[in-house]
Amino acid sequence: MKTLLLALLLLPIAAIGDDSRQLVKLPPAAQESLRQEMLDNLVAVNEVLTLMAEGKVKEAGEAAETKLGMAAMGKHRGKPVDARPGPHMPPAMHGIGMDGHRAVSEFAAVAKTGDRDKALALLPNLTSACVGCHFSYRTR
């Protein structure tokens, strides 16, 4: 555990000198919208994990769908174009996000049935798109 913690602490230092991720330039308002959405997503993922750990599988499915799944798309629809991240993203980056919403909805559909084992098998899919996008793209 100590080794993992040390590696996580040193990761930002190692990444400073050699960040090969693609820079995506967003208008400031879109960048702020995306940053806030990513923070909200972290809270939502934590909620889903907590519910699963408490054995509240159906509730985890509901939270996942409403906060992260296909039902959560369109949060920025009412904002001016310069405040919407999607239109400014490269197509591949946008596609990763869409894949993430779909993966969460697949998890949610299974979790809502209460099948803990099947839901657990799909749980890593909640963060796969997140990891792929954050390892491929940066906004600053």
Protein backbone atom coordinates (compact mmCIF):
# COMPACT_ATOMS: atom_id res chain seq x y z
CA MET A 1 0.00 0.00 0.00
CA LYS A 2 2.84 2.40 0.83
CA THR A 3 4.43 1.74 -2.56
CA LEU A 4 1.17 2.55 -4.36
CA LEU A 5 0.73 5.75 -2.37
CA LEU A 6 4.30 6.83 -3.09
CA ALA A 7 3.86 6.10 -6.81
CA LEU A 8 0.66 8.14 -6.90
CA LEU A 9 2.35 11.04 -5.14
CA LEU A 10 5.30 11.00 -7.53
CA LEU A 11 3.20 10.61 -10.69
CA PRO A 12 2.52 14.35 -11.09
CA ILE A 13 6.24 15.10 -10.75
CA ALA A 14 7.15 12.55 -13.41
CA ALA A 15 4.39 13.81 -15.71
CA ILE A 16 5.52 17.44 -15.64
CA GLY A 17 8.58 16.90 -17.82
CA ASP A 18 7.11 14.46 -20.30
CA ASP A 19 3.42 15.00 -20.93
CA SER A 20 2.74 13.45 -24.30
CA ARG A 21 -1.03 13.77 -24.08
CA GLN A 22 -2.74 15.75 -26.83
CA LEU A 23 -3.47 19.33 -25.77
CA VAL A 24 -7.09 20.26 -26.42
CA LYS A 25 -7.62 23.99 -26.37
CA LEU A 26 -11.06 24.89 -25.12
CA PRO A 27 -12.56 28.32 -24.61
CA PRO A 28 -12.14 29.26 -20.93
CA ALA A 29 -15.84 28.81 -20.16
CA ALA A 30 -15.89 25.34 -21.78
CA GLN A 31 -12.73 24.38 -19.91
CA GLU A 32 -14.35 25.40 -16.63
CA SER A 33 -17.54 23.49 -17.48
CA LEU A 34 -15.50 20.39 -18.26
CA ARG A 35 -13.41 20.74 -15.10
CA GLN A 36 -16.54 21.01 -12.95
CA GLU A 37 -18.14 18.05 -14.74
CA MET A 38 -15.06 15.91 -14.11
CA LEU A 39 -15.11 16.83 -10.40
CA ASP A 40 -18.81 15.98 -10.23
CA ASN A 41 -18.08 12.67 -11.99
CA LEU A 42 -15.47 11.79 -9.35
CA VAL A 43 -18.05 12.37 -6.63
CA ALA A 44 -20.59 10.26 -8.54
CA VAL A 45 -18.15 7.37 -9.07
CA ASN A 46 -17.35 7.46 -5.36
CA GLU A 47 -21.06 7.34 -4.55
CA VAL A 48 -21.57 4.32 -6.83
CA LEU A 49 -18.59 2.51 -5.28
CA THR A 50 -19.84 3.28 -1.78
CA LEU A 51 -23.33 1.99 -2.57
CA MET A 52 -21.87 -1.20 -4.07
CA ALA A 53 -19.69 -1.72 -0.99
CA GLU A 54 -22.78 -1.32 1.21
CA GLY A 55 -24.60 -3.96 -0.84
CA LYS A 56 -27.03 -1.40 -2.25
CA VAL A 57 -26.70 -2.66 -5.81
CA LYS A 58 -29.97 -1.32 -7.20
CA GLU A 59 -29.31 2.11 -5.69
CA ALA A 60 -25.81 2.07 -7.22
CA GLY A 61 -27.39 1.42 -10.60
CA GLU A 62 -29.81 4.30 -10.21
CA ALA A 63 -27.07 6.71 -9.14
CA ALA A 64 -24.79 5.57 -11.95
CA GLU A 65 -27.42 6.08 -14.62
CA THR A 66 -28.69 9.45 -13.45
CA LYS A 67 -25.28 10.96 -12.71
CA LEU A 68 -22.95 9.27 -15.23
CA GLY A 69 -24.90 7.24 -17.77
CA MET A 70 -26.70 8.16 -20.98
CA ALA A 71 -29.35 9.92 -18.86
CA ALA A 72 -26.67 12.33 -17.60
CA MET A 73 -25.75 13.57 -21.07
CA GLY A 74 -26.65 17.07 -22.16
CA LYS A 75 -25.73 18.86 -18.93
CA HIS A 76 -24.30 21.77 -20.89
CA ARG A 77 -27.04 21.99 -23.54
CA GLY A 78 -28.49 25.22 -22.17
CA LYS A 79 -25.15 27.01 -21.98
CA PRO A 80 -23.66 29.27 -24.65
CA VAL A 81 -21.54 27.40 -27.21
CA ASP A 82 -18.32 28.75 -25.69
CA ALA A 83 -19.27 27.14 -22.37
CA ARG A 84 -20.03 23.70 -23.86
CA PRO A 85 -17.00 21.37 -23.96
CA GLY A 86 -18.36 18.88 -26.53
CA PRO A 87 -18.31 21.06 -29.65
CA HIS A 88 -14.66 21.97 -29.02
CA MET A 89 -13.35 18.43 -28.46
CA PRO A 90 -11.59 16.37 -31.10
CA PRO A 91 -13.98 13.67 -32.39
CA ALA A 92 -11.96 10.85 -30.79
CA MET A 93 -12.06 12.55 -27.39
CA HIS A 94 -15.80 13.10 -27.71
CA GLY A 95 -16.18 9.44 -28.71
CA ILE A 96 -14.37 8.27 -25.58
CA GLY A 97 -16.83 10.29 -23.51
CA MET A 98 -19.80 8.78 -25.32
CA ASP A 99 -18.35 5.29 -24.82
CA GLY A 100 -18.05 6.06 -21.11
CA HIS A 101 -21.70 7.09 -20.82
CA ARG A 102 -22.74 3.90 -22.65
CA ALA A 103 -20.56 1.70 -20.40
CA VAL A 104 -22.08 3.27 -17.30
CA SER A 105 -25.59 2.69 -18.64
CA GLU A 106 -24.74 -0.98 -19.26
CA PHE A 107 -23.51 -1.30 -15.68
CA ALA A 108 -26.58 0.55 -14.39
CA ALA A 109 -29.02 -1.69 -16.26
CA VAL A 110 -27.48 -4.79 -14.69
CA ALA A 111 -27.12 -3.22 -11.24
CA LYS A 112 -30.78 -2.16 -11.23
CA THR A 113 -31.72 -5.85 -11.45
CA GLY A 114 -29.90 -6.40 -8.15
CA ASP A 115 -27.46 -8.94 -9.62
CA ARG A 116 -24.42 -8.08 -7.52
CA ASP A 117 -21.97 -10.44 -9.22
CA LYS A 118 -22.79 -9.29 -12.75
CA ALA A 119 -22.72 -5.65 -11.63
CA LEU A 120 -19.33 -6.14 -9.98
CA ALA A 121 -17.99 -7.65 -13.20
CA LEU A 122 -19.02 -4.48 -15.07
CA LEU A 123 -17.87 -2.04 -12.39
CA PRO A 124 -14.39 -1.42 -13.88
CA ASN A 125 -16.09 -0.22 -17.07
CA LEU A 126 -17.27 2.86 -15.14
CA THR A 127 -13.76 4.28 -15.16
CA SER A 128 -12.20 2.74 -18.28
CA ALA A 129 -13.23 5.62 -20.54
CA CYS A 130 -12.16 8.13 -17.87
CA VAL A 131 -8.71 6.59 -17.68
CA GLY A 132 -8.41 6.38 -21.47
CA CYS A 133 -9.39 10.00 -21.97
CA HIS A 134 -7.25 11.42 -19.16
CA PHE A 135 -4.24 9.45 -20.40
CA SER A 136 -4.77 10.68 -23.98
CA TYR A 137 -5.87 14.31 -23.60
CA ARG A 138 -5.22 17.37 -21.50
CA THR A 139 -6.71 20.86 -21.48
CA ARG A 140 -3.75 22.68 -20.01
